[in-house]
PDB file of all heavy atoms in Angstrom:
ATOM      1  N   GLU A   1       0.828  -1.212  -0.001  1.00  0.00           N
ATOM      2  CA  GLU A   1       0.000  -0.002   0.003  1.00  0.00           C
ATOM      3  C   GLU A   1       0.859   1.258   0.002  1.00  0.00           C
ATOM      4  O   GLU A   1       0.532   2.251  -0.660  1.00  0.00           O
ATOM      5  CB  GLU A   1      -0.927  -0.008   1.205  1.00  0.00           C
ATOM      6  CG  GLU A   1      -2.000  -1.082   1.166  1.00  0.00           C
ATOM      7  CD  GLU A   1      -2.908  -1.044   2.371  1.00  0.00           C
ATOM      8  OE1 GLU A   1      -2.702  -0.148   3.227  1.00  0.00           O
ATOM      9  OE2 GLU A   1      -3.802  -1.892   2.471  1.00  0.00           O
ATOM     10  N   THR A   2       1.968   1.221   0.735  1.00  0.00           N
ATOM     11  CA  THR A   2       2.842   2.390   0.785  1.00  0.00           C
ATOM     12  C   THR A   2       3.502   2.645  -0.557  1.00  0.00           C
ATOM     13  O   THR A   2       3.629   3.798  -0.993  1.00  0.00           O
ATOM     14  CB  THR A   2       3.919   2.199   1.873  1.00  0.00           C
ATOM     15  OG1 THR A   2       3.283   1.922   3.133  1.00  0.00           O
ATOM     16  CG2 THR A   2       4.762   3.459   2.030  1.00  0.00           C
ATOM     17  N   MET A   3       3.928   1.582  -1.242  1.00  0.00           N
ATOM     18  CA  MET A   3       4.527   1.746  -2.554  1.00  0.00           C
ATOM     19  C   MET A   3       3.518   2.325  -3.549  1.00  0.00           C
ATOM     20  O   MET A   3       3.843   3.209  -4.352  1.00  0.00           O
ATOM     21  CB  MET A   3       5.046   0.406  -3.062  1.00  0.00           C
ATOM     22  CG  MET A   3       6.354  -0.043  -2.407  1.00  0.00           C
ATOM     23  SD  MET A   3       7.725   1.072  -2.796  1.00  0.00           S
ATOM     24  CE  MET A   3       7.820   0.899  -4.570  1.00  0.00           C
ATOM     25  N   ILE A   4       2.264   1.855  -3.491  1.00  0.00           N
ATOM     26  CA  ILE A   4       1.227   2.384  -4.383  1.00  0.00           C
ATOM     27  C   ILE A   4       0.986   3.863  -4.081  1.00  0.00           C
ATOM     28  O   ILE A   4       0.825   4.686  -4.994  1.00  0.00           O
ATOM     29  CB  ILE A   4      -0.076   1.573  -4.221  1.00  0.00           C
ATOM     30  CG1 ILE A   4       0.138   0.144  -4.729  1.00  0.00           C
ATOM     31  CG2 ILE A   4      -1.222   2.242  -4.962  1.00  0.00           C
ATOM     32  CD1 ILE A   4      -1.037  -0.773  -4.497  1.00  0.00           C
ATOM     33  N   SER A   5       0.968   4.219  -2.799  1.00  0.00           N
ATOM     34  CA  SER A   5       0.773   5.611  -2.420  1.00  0.00           C
ATOM     35  C   SER A   5       1.923   6.489  -2.891  1.00  0.00           C
ATOM     36  O   SER A   5       1.716   7.637  -3.307  1.00  0.00           O
ATOM     37  CB  SER A   5       0.614   5.727  -0.906  1.00  0.00           C
ATOM     38  OG  SER A   5      -0.520   5.025  -0.440  1.00  0.00           O
ATOM     39  N   MET A   6       3.146   5.951  -2.860  1.00  0.00           N
ATOM     40  CA  MET A   6       4.300   6.716  -3.329  1.00  0.00           C
ATOM     41  C   MET A   6       4.220   6.959  -4.837  1.00  0.00           C
ATOM     42  O   MET A   6       4.544   8.044  -5.326  1.00  0.00           O
ATOM     43  CB  MET A   6       5.592   5.980  -2.975  1.00  0.00           C
ATOM     44  CG  MET A   6       5.909   5.948  -1.480  1.00  0.00           C
ATOM     45  SD  MET A   6       7.478   5.137  -1.113  1.00  0.00           S
ATOM     46  CE  MET A   6       8.642   6.341  -1.793  1.00  0.00           C
ATOM     47  N   ILE A   7       3.766   5.951  -5.581  1.00  0.00           N
ATOM     48  CA  ILE A   7       3.602   6.116  -7.035  1.00  0.00           C
ATOM     49  C   ILE A   7       2.529   7.160  -7.326  1.00  0.00           C
ATOM     50  O   ILE A   7       2.679   8.019  -8.210  1.00  0.00           O
ATOM     51  CB  ILE A   7       3.255   4.765  -7.685  1.00  0.00           C
ATOM     52  CG1 ILE A   7       4.438   3.793  -7.545  1.00  0.00           C
ATOM     53  CG2 ILE A   7       2.896   4.950  -9.153  1.00  0.00           C
ATOM     54  CD1 ILE A   7       4.122   2.373  -7.996  1.00  0.00           C
ATOM     55  N   THR A   8       1.431   7.096  -6.569  1.00  0.00           N
ATOM     56  CA  THR A   8       0.352   8.067  -6.750  1.00  0.00           C
ATOM     57  C   THR A   8       0.828   9.477  -6.443  1.00  0.00           C
ATOM     58  O   THR A   8       0.516  10.437  -7.169  1.00  0.00           O
ATOM     59  CB  THR A   8      -0.839   7.712  -5.850  1.00  0.00           C
ATOM     60  OG1 THR A   8      -1.289   6.388  -6.153  1.00  0.00           O
ATOM     61  CG2 THR A   8      -1.982   8.686  -6.041  1.00  0.00           C
ATOM     62  N   ALA A   9       1.606   9.622  -5.356  1.00  0.00           N
ATOM     63  CA  ALA A   9       2.123  10.941  -4.987  1.00  0.00           C
ATOM     64  C   ALA A   9       3.078  11.473  -6.052  1.00  0.00           C
ATOM     65  O   ALA A   9       3.077  12.670  -6.357  1.00  0.00           O
ATOM     66  CB  ALA A   9       2.820  10.868  -3.627  1.00  0.00           C
ATOM     67  N   ALA A  10       3.878  10.590  -6.627  1.00  0.00           N
ATOM     68  CA  ALA A  10       4.796  11.020  -7.686  1.00  0.00           C
ATOM     69  C   ALA A  10       4.046  11.523  -8.916  1.00  0.00           C
ATOM     70  O   ALA A  10       4.426  12.521  -9.530  1.00  0.00           O
ATOM     71  CB  ALA A  10       5.729   9.867  -8.070  1.00  0.00           C
ATOM     72  N   ARG A  11       2.963  10.851  -9.269  1.00  0.00           N
ATOM     73  CA  ARG A  11       2.169  11.293 -10.414  1.00  0.00           C
ATOM     74  C   ARG A  11       1.460  12.610 -10.116  1.00  0.00           C
ATOM     75  O   ARG A  11       1.311  13.458 -10.996  1.00  0.00           O
ATOM     76  CB  ARG A  11       1.152  10.216 -10.769  1.00  0.00           C
ATOM     77  CG  ARG A  11       1.797   8.962 -11.368  1.00  0.00           C
ATOM     78  CD  ARG A  11       0.779   7.879 -11.648  1.00  0.00           C
ATOM     79  NE  ARG A  11       1.399   6.713 -12.279  1.00  0.00           N
ATOM     80  CZ  ARG A  11       0.766   5.586 -12.543  1.00  0.00           C
ATOM     81  NH1 ARG A  11      -0.524   5.457 -12.215  1.00  0.00           N
ATOM     82  NH2 ARG A  11       1.381   4.569 -13.117  1.00  0.00           N
ATOM     83  N   GLN A  12       1.014  12.776  -8.865  1.00  0.00           N
ATOM     84  CA  GLN A  12       0.395  14.049  -8.484  1.00  0.00           C
ATOM     85  C   GLN A  12       1.401  15.197  -8.578  1.00  0.00           C
ATOM     86  O   GLN A  12       1.060  16.305  -9.020  1.00  0.00           O
ATOM     87  CB  GLN A  12      -0.164  13.951  -7.062  1.00  0.00           C
ATOM     88  CG  GLN A  12      -1.389  13.059  -6.941  1.00  0.00           C
ATOM     89  CD  GLN A  12      -1.855  12.916  -5.514  1.00  0.00           C
ATOM     90  OE1 GLN A  12      -1.132  13.250  -4.576  1.00  0.00           O
ATOM     91  NE2 GLN A  12      -3.064  12.407  -5.324  1.00  0.00           N
ATOM     92  N   PHE A  13       2.639  14.930  -8.154  1.00  0.00           N
ATOM     93  CA  PHE A  13       3.666  15.965  -8.240  1.00  0.00           C
ATOM     94  C   PHE A  13       3.930  16.342  -9.692  1.00  0.00           C
ATOM     95  O   PHE A  13       4.081  17.525 -10.020  1.00  0.00           O
ATOM     96  CB  PHE A  13       4.954  15.463  -7.576  1.00  0.00           C
ATOM     97  CG  PHE A  13       6.059  16.477  -7.569  1.00  0.00           C
ATOM     98  CD1 PHE A  13       6.088  17.494  -6.632  1.00  0.00           C
ATOM     99  CD2 PHE A  13       7.086  16.421  -8.499  1.00  0.00           C
ATOM    100  CE1 PHE A  13       7.106  18.432  -6.613  1.00  0.00           C
ATOM    101  CE2 PHE A  13       8.095  17.347  -8.513  1.00  0.00           C
ATOM    102  CZ  PHE A  13       8.109  18.352  -7.561  1.00  0.00           C
ATOM    103  N   GLU A  14       3.997  15.341 -10.569  1.00  0.00           N
ATOM    104  CA  GLU A  14       4.208  15.618 -11.995  1.00  0.00           C
ATOM    105  C   GLU A  14       3.060  16.450 -12.565  1.00  0.00           C
ATOM    106  O   GLU A  14       3.281  17.361 -13.375  1.00  0.00           O
ATOM    107  CB  GLU A  14       4.335  14.301 -12.757  1.00  0.00           C
ATOM    108  CG  GLU A  14       5.600  13.521 -12.440  1.00  0.00           C
ATOM    109  CD  GLU A  14       5.623  12.178 -13.139  1.00  0.00           C
ATOM    110  OE1 GLU A  14       4.634  11.854 -13.834  1.00  0.00           O
ATOM    111  OE2 GLU A  14       6.628  11.449 -13.001  1.00  0.00           O
ATOM    112  N   ALA A  15       1.835  16.162 -12.143  1.00  0.00           N
ATOM    113  CA  ALA A  15       0.683  16.928 -12.631  1.00  0.00           C
ATOM    114  C   ALA A  15       0.770  18.385 -12.163  1.00  0.00           C
ATOM    115  O   ALA A  15       0.458  19.305 -12.948  1.00  0.00           O
ATOM    116  CB  ALA A  15      -0.612  16.295 -12.133  1.00  0.00           C
ATOM    117  N   GLN A  16       1.198  18.593 -10.920  1.00  0.00           N
ATOM    118  CA  GLN A  16       1.342  19.963 -10.410  1.00  0.00           C
ATOM    119  C   GLN A  16       2.424  20.717 -11.169  1.00  0.00           C
ATOM    120  O   GLN A  16       2.266  21.909 -11.483  1.00  0.00           O
ATOM    121  CB  GLN A  16       1.665  19.940  -8.911  1.00  0.00           C
ATOM    122  CG  GLN A  16       0.623  19.293  -8.034  1.00  0.00           C
ATOM    123  CD  GLN A  16      -0.671  20.081  -7.976  1.00  0.00           C
ATOM    124  OE1 GLN A  16      -0.729  21.241  -8.381  1.00  0.00           O
ATOM    125  NE2 GLN A  16      -1.732  19.459  -7.494  1.00  0.00           N
ATOM    126  N   MET A  17       3.511  20.045 -11.497  1.00  0.00           N
ATOM    127  CA  MET A  17       4.581  20.703 -12.249  1.00  0.00           C
ATOM    128  C   MET A  17       4.139  21.036 -13.669  1.00  0.00           C
ATOM    129  O   MET A  17       4.547  22.065 -14.231  1.00  0.00           O
ATOM    130  CB  MET A  17       5.826  19.801 -12.278  1.00  0.00           C
ATOM    131  CG  MET A  17       6.424  19.532 -10.900  1.00  0.00           C
ATOM    132  SD  MET A  17       6.774  21.038  -9.975  1.00  0.00           S
ATOM    133  CE  MET A  17       8.032  21.792 -10.997  1.00  0.00           C
ATOM    134  N   LYS A  18       3.298  20.196 -14.275  1.00  0.00           N
ATOM    135  CA  LYS A  18       2.785  20.497 -15.613  1.00  0.00           C
ATOM    136  C   LYS A  18       1.896  21.730 -15.588  1.00  0.00           C
ATOM    137  O   LYS A  18       1.868  22.514 -16.540  1.00  0.00           O
ATOM    138  CB  LYS A  18       2.017  19.290 -16.150  1.00  0.00           C
ATOM    139  CG  LYS A  18       2.906  18.126 -16.558  1.00  0.00           C
ATOM    140  CD  LYS A  18       2.091  16.968 -17.115  1.00  0.00           C
ATOM    141  CE  LYS A  18       2.995  15.821 -17.539  1.00  0.00           C
ATOM    142  NZ  LYS A  18       2.203  14.666 -18.059  1.00  0.00           N
ATOM    143  N   ILE A  19       1.155  21.919 -14.497  1.00  0.00           N
ATOM    144  CA  ILE A  19       0.322  23.119 -14.367  1.00  0.00           C
ATOM    145  C   ILE A  19       1.209  24.358 -14.300  1.00  0.00           C
ATOM    146  O   ILE A  19       0.899  25.397 -14.900  1.00  0.00           O
ATOM    147  CB  ILE A  19      -0.570  23.016 -13.117  1.00  0.00           C
ATOM    148  CG1 ILE A  19      -1.588  21.880 -13.287  1.00  0.00           C
ATOM    149  CG2 ILE A  19      -1.293  24.327 -12.863  1.00  0.00           C
ATOM    150  CD1 ILE A  19      -2.450  21.643 -12.066  1.00  0.00           C
ATOM    151  N   LEU A  20       2.330  24.250 -13.564  1.00  0.00           N
ATOM    152  CA  LEU A  20       3.260  25.373 -13.520  1.00  0.00           C
ATOM    153  C   LEU A  20       3.824  25.690 -14.906  1.00  0.00           C
ATOM    154  O   LEU A  20       3.959  26.864 -15.284  1.00  0.00           O
ATOM    155  CB  LEU A  20       4.408  25.060 -12.544  1.00  0.00           C
ATOM    156  CG  LEU A  20       4.124  25.236 -11.051  1.00  0.00           C
ATOM    157  CD1 LEU A  20       5.311  24.780 -10.225  1.00  0.00           C
ATOM    158  CD2 LEU A  20       3.789  26.684 -10.734  1.00  0.00           C
ATOM    159  N   GLN A  21       4.155  24.649 -15.655  1.00  0.00           N
ATOM    160  CA  GLN A  21       4.655  24.856 -17.008  1.00  0.00           C
ATOM    161  C   GLN A  21       3.592  25.486 -17.903  1.00  0.00           C
ATOM    162  O   GLN A  21       3.885  26.353 -18.737  1.00  0.00           O
ATOM    163  CB  GLN A  21       5.131  23.530 -17.590  1.00  0.00           C
ATOM    164  CG  GLN A  21       6.350  22.955 -16.875  1.00  0.00           C
ATOM    165  CD  GLN A  21       6.667  21.540 -17.351  1.00  0.00           C
ATOM    166  OE1 GLN A  21       6.001  20.980 -18.199  1.00  0.00           O
ATOM    167  NE2 GLN A  21       7.731  20.965 -16.786  1.00  0.00           N
ATOM    168  N   THR A  22       2.351  25.051 -17.712  1.00  0.00           N
ATOM    169  CA  THR A  22       1.254  25.642 -18.489  1.00  0.00           C
ATOM    170  C   THR A  22       1.084  27.117 -18.142  1.00  0.00           C
ATOM    171  O   THR A  22       0.862  27.960 -19.032  1.00  0.00           O
ATOM    172  CB  THR A  22      -0.050  24.888 -18.209  1.00  0.00           C
ATOM    173  OG1 THR A  22       0.109  23.511 -18.564  1.00  0.00           O
ATOM    174  CG2 THR A  22      -1.205  25.489 -19.005  1.00  0.00           C
ATOM    175  N   ALA A  23       1.186  27.450 -16.854  1.00  0.00           N
ATOM    176  CA  ALA A  23       1.074  28.853 -16.441  1.00  0.00           C
ATOM    177  C   ALA A  23       2.191  29.689 -17.042  1.00  0.00           C
ATOM    178  O   ALA A  23       1.981  30.833 -17.466  1.00  0.00           O
ATOM    179  CB  ALA A  23       1.105  28.939 -14.920  1.00  0.00           C
ATOM    180  N   GLU A  24       3.389  29.112 -17.114  1.00  0.00           N
ATOM    181  CA  GLU A  24       4.511  29.842 -17.700  1.00  0.00           C
ATOM    182  C   GLU A  24       4.297  30.096 -19.192  1.00  0.00           C
ATOM    183  O   GLU A  24       4.528  31.209 -19.690  1.00  0.00           O
ATOM    184  CB  GLU A  24       5.801  29.064 -17.481  1.00  0.00           C
ATOM    185  CG  GLU A  24       7.040  29.765 -18.012  1.00  0.00           C
ATOM    186  CD  GLU A  24       8.303  28.939 -17.827  1.00  0.00           C
ATOM    187  OE1 GLU A  24       8.187  27.750 -17.455  1.00  0.00           O
ATOM    188  OE2 GLU A  24       9.397  29.478 -18.055  1.00  0.00           O
ATOM    189  N   SER A  25       3.842  29.062 -19.906  1.00  0.00           N
ATOM    190  CA  SER A  25       3.618  29.232 -21.357  1.00  0.00           C
ATOM    191  C   SER A  25       2.473  30.208 -21.630  1.00  0.00           C
ATOM    192  O   SER A  25       2.532  31.011 -22.563  1.00  0.00           O
ATOM    193  CB  SER A  25       3.324  27.882 -21.996  1.00  0.00           C
ATOM    194  OG  SER A  25       2.156  27.293 -21.443  1.00  0.00           O
ATOM    195  N   ASP A  26       1.425  30.166 -20.796  1.00  0.00           N
ATOM    196  CA  ASP A  26       0.312  31.104 -20.968  1.00  0.00           C
ATOM    197  C   ASP A  26       0.769  32.541 -20.714  1.00  0.00           C
ATOM    198  O   ASP A  26       0.347  33.476 -21.415  1.00  0.00           O
ATOM    199  CB  ASP A  26      -0.824  30.756 -20.019  1.00  0.00           C
ATOM    200  CG  ASP A  26      -1.545  29.473 -20.422  1.00  0.00           C
ATOM    201  OD1 ASP A  26      -1.300  28.986 -21.548  1.00  0.00           O
ATOM    202  OD2 ASP A  26      -2.329  28.958 -19.608  1.00  0.00           O
ATOM    203  N   GLU A  27       1.642  32.709 -19.736  1.00  0.00           N
ATOM    204  CA  GLU A  27       2.141  34.053 -19.429  1.00  0.00           C
ATOM    205  C   GLU A  27       2.991  34.584 -20.579  1.00  0.00           C
ATOM    206  O   GLU A  27       2.903  35.778 -20.945  1.00  0.00           O
ATOM    207  CB  GLU A  27       2.953  34.028 -18.141  1.00  0.00           C
ATOM    208  CG  GLU A  27       3.421  35.405 -17.677  1.00  0.00           C
ATOM    209  CD  GLU A  27       4.150  35.352 -16.361  1.00  0.00           C
ATOM    210  OE1 GLU A  27       4.277  34.243 -15.799  1.00  0.00           O
ATOM    211  OE2 GLU A  27       4.599  36.408 -15.896  1.00  0.00           O
ATOM    212  N   LYS A  28       3.810  33.722 -21.182  1.00  0.00           N
ATOM    213  CA  LYS A  28       4.622  34.144 -22.329  1.00  0.00           C
ATOM    214  C   LYS A  28       3.731  34.525 -23.517  1.00  0.00           C
ATOM    215  O   LYS A  28       3.980  35.523 -24.206  1.00  0.00           O
ATOM    216  CB  LYS A  28       5.592  33.031 -22.720  1.00  0.00           C
ATOM    217  CG  LYS A  28       6.712  32.798 -21.722  1.00  0.00           C
ATOM    218  CD  LYS A  28       7.632  31.688 -22.211  1.00  0.00           C
ATOM    219  CE  LYS A  28       8.794  31.473 -21.231  1.00  0.00           C
ATOM    220  NZ  LYS A  28       9.696  30.371 -21.675  1.00  0.00           N
ATOM    221  N   ALA A  29       2.691  33.724 -23.756  1.00  0.00           N
ATOM    222  CA  ALA A  29       1.770  34.021 -24.854  1.00  0.00           C
ATOM    223  C   ALA A  29       1.053  35.348 -24.636  1.00  0.00           C
ATOM    224  O   ALA A  29       0.881  36.151 -25.554  1.00  0.00           O
ATOM    225  CB  ALA A  29       0.775  32.891 -25.013  1.00  0.00           C
ATOM    226  N   ALA A  30       0.666  35.592 -23.381  1.00  0.00           N
ATOM    227  CA  ALA A  30      -0.025  36.843 -23.071  1.00  0.00           C
ATOM    228  C   ALA A  30       0.921  38.038 -23.235  1.00  0.00           C
ATOM    229  O   ALA A  30       0.520  39.105 -23.740  1.00  0.00           O
ATOM    230  CB  ALA A  30      -0.574  36.799 -21.640  1.00  0.00           C
ATOM    231  N   ALA A  31       2.184  37.853 -22.838  1.00  0.00           N
ATOM    232  CA  ALA A  31       3.166  38.947 -22.998  1.00  0.00           C
ATOM    233  C   ALA A  31       3.411  39.261 -24.464  1.00  0.00           C
ATOM    234  O   ALA A  31       3.556  40.441 -24.844  1.00  0.00           O
ATOM    235  CB  ALA A  31       4.457  38.560 -22.300  1.00  0.00           C
ATOM    236  N   GLN A  32       3.424  38.236 -25.318  1.00  0.00           N
ATOM    237  CA  GLN A  32       3.613  38.473 -26.758  1.00  0.00           C
ATOM    238  C   GLN A  32       2.448  39.232 -27.365  1.00  0.00           C
ATOM    239  O   GLN A  32       2.606  40.120 -28.193  1.00  0.00           O
ATOM    240  CB  GLN A  32       3.817  37.135 -27.467  1.00  0.00           C
ATOM    241  CG  GLN A  32       5.153  36.461 -27.171  1.00  0.00           C
ATOM    242  CD  GLN A  32       5.273  35.116 -27.836  1.00  0.00           C
ATOM    243  OE1 GLN A  32       4.326  34.631 -28.467  1.00  0.00           O
ATOM    244  NE2 GLN A  32       6.424  34.469 -27.691  1.00  0.00           N
ATOM    245  N   LEU A  33       1.231  38.868 -26.928  1.00  0.00           N
ATOM    246  CA  LEU A  33       0.059  39.574 -27.433  1.00  0.00           C
ATOM    247  C   LEU A  33       0.061  41.024 -27.001  1.00  0.00           C
ATOM    248  O   LEU A  33      -0.302  41.939 -27.794  1.00  0.00           O
ATOM    249  CB  LEU A  33      -1.205  38.873 -26.941  1.00  0.00           C
ATOM    250  CG  LEU A  33      -1.528  37.500 -27.545  1.00  0.00           C
ATOM    251  CD1 LEU A  33      -2.729  36.871 -26.880  1.00  0.00           C
ATOM    252  CD2 LEU A  33      -1.766  37.620 -29.055  1.00  0.00           C
ATOM    253  N   LEU A  34       0.435  41.282 -25.780  1.00  0.00           N
ATOM    254  CA  LEU A  34       0.453  42.656 -25.287  1.00  0.00           C
ATOM    255  C   LEU A  34       1.531  43.480 -25.982  1.00  0.00           C
ATOM    256  O   LEU A  34       1.368  44.691 -26.209  1.00  0.00           O
ATOM    257  CB  LEU A  34       0.687  42.664 -23.777  1.00  0.00           C
ATOM    258  CG  LEU A  34      -0.483  42.132 -22.911  1.00  0.00           C
ATOM    259  CD1 LEU A  34      -0.091  42.071 -21.459  1.00  0.00           C
ATOM    260  CD2 LEU A  34      -1.712  43.018 -23.092  1.00  0.00           C
TER     261      LEU A  34
END
């Protein structure tokens, strides 16, 4: 159960980092438009 929880936590961390990357790309796109 602990190993499964660790895998789940790792995937959650990756999802959070992808959101940060999305925020960065959106900010760059908005800066170009402005």
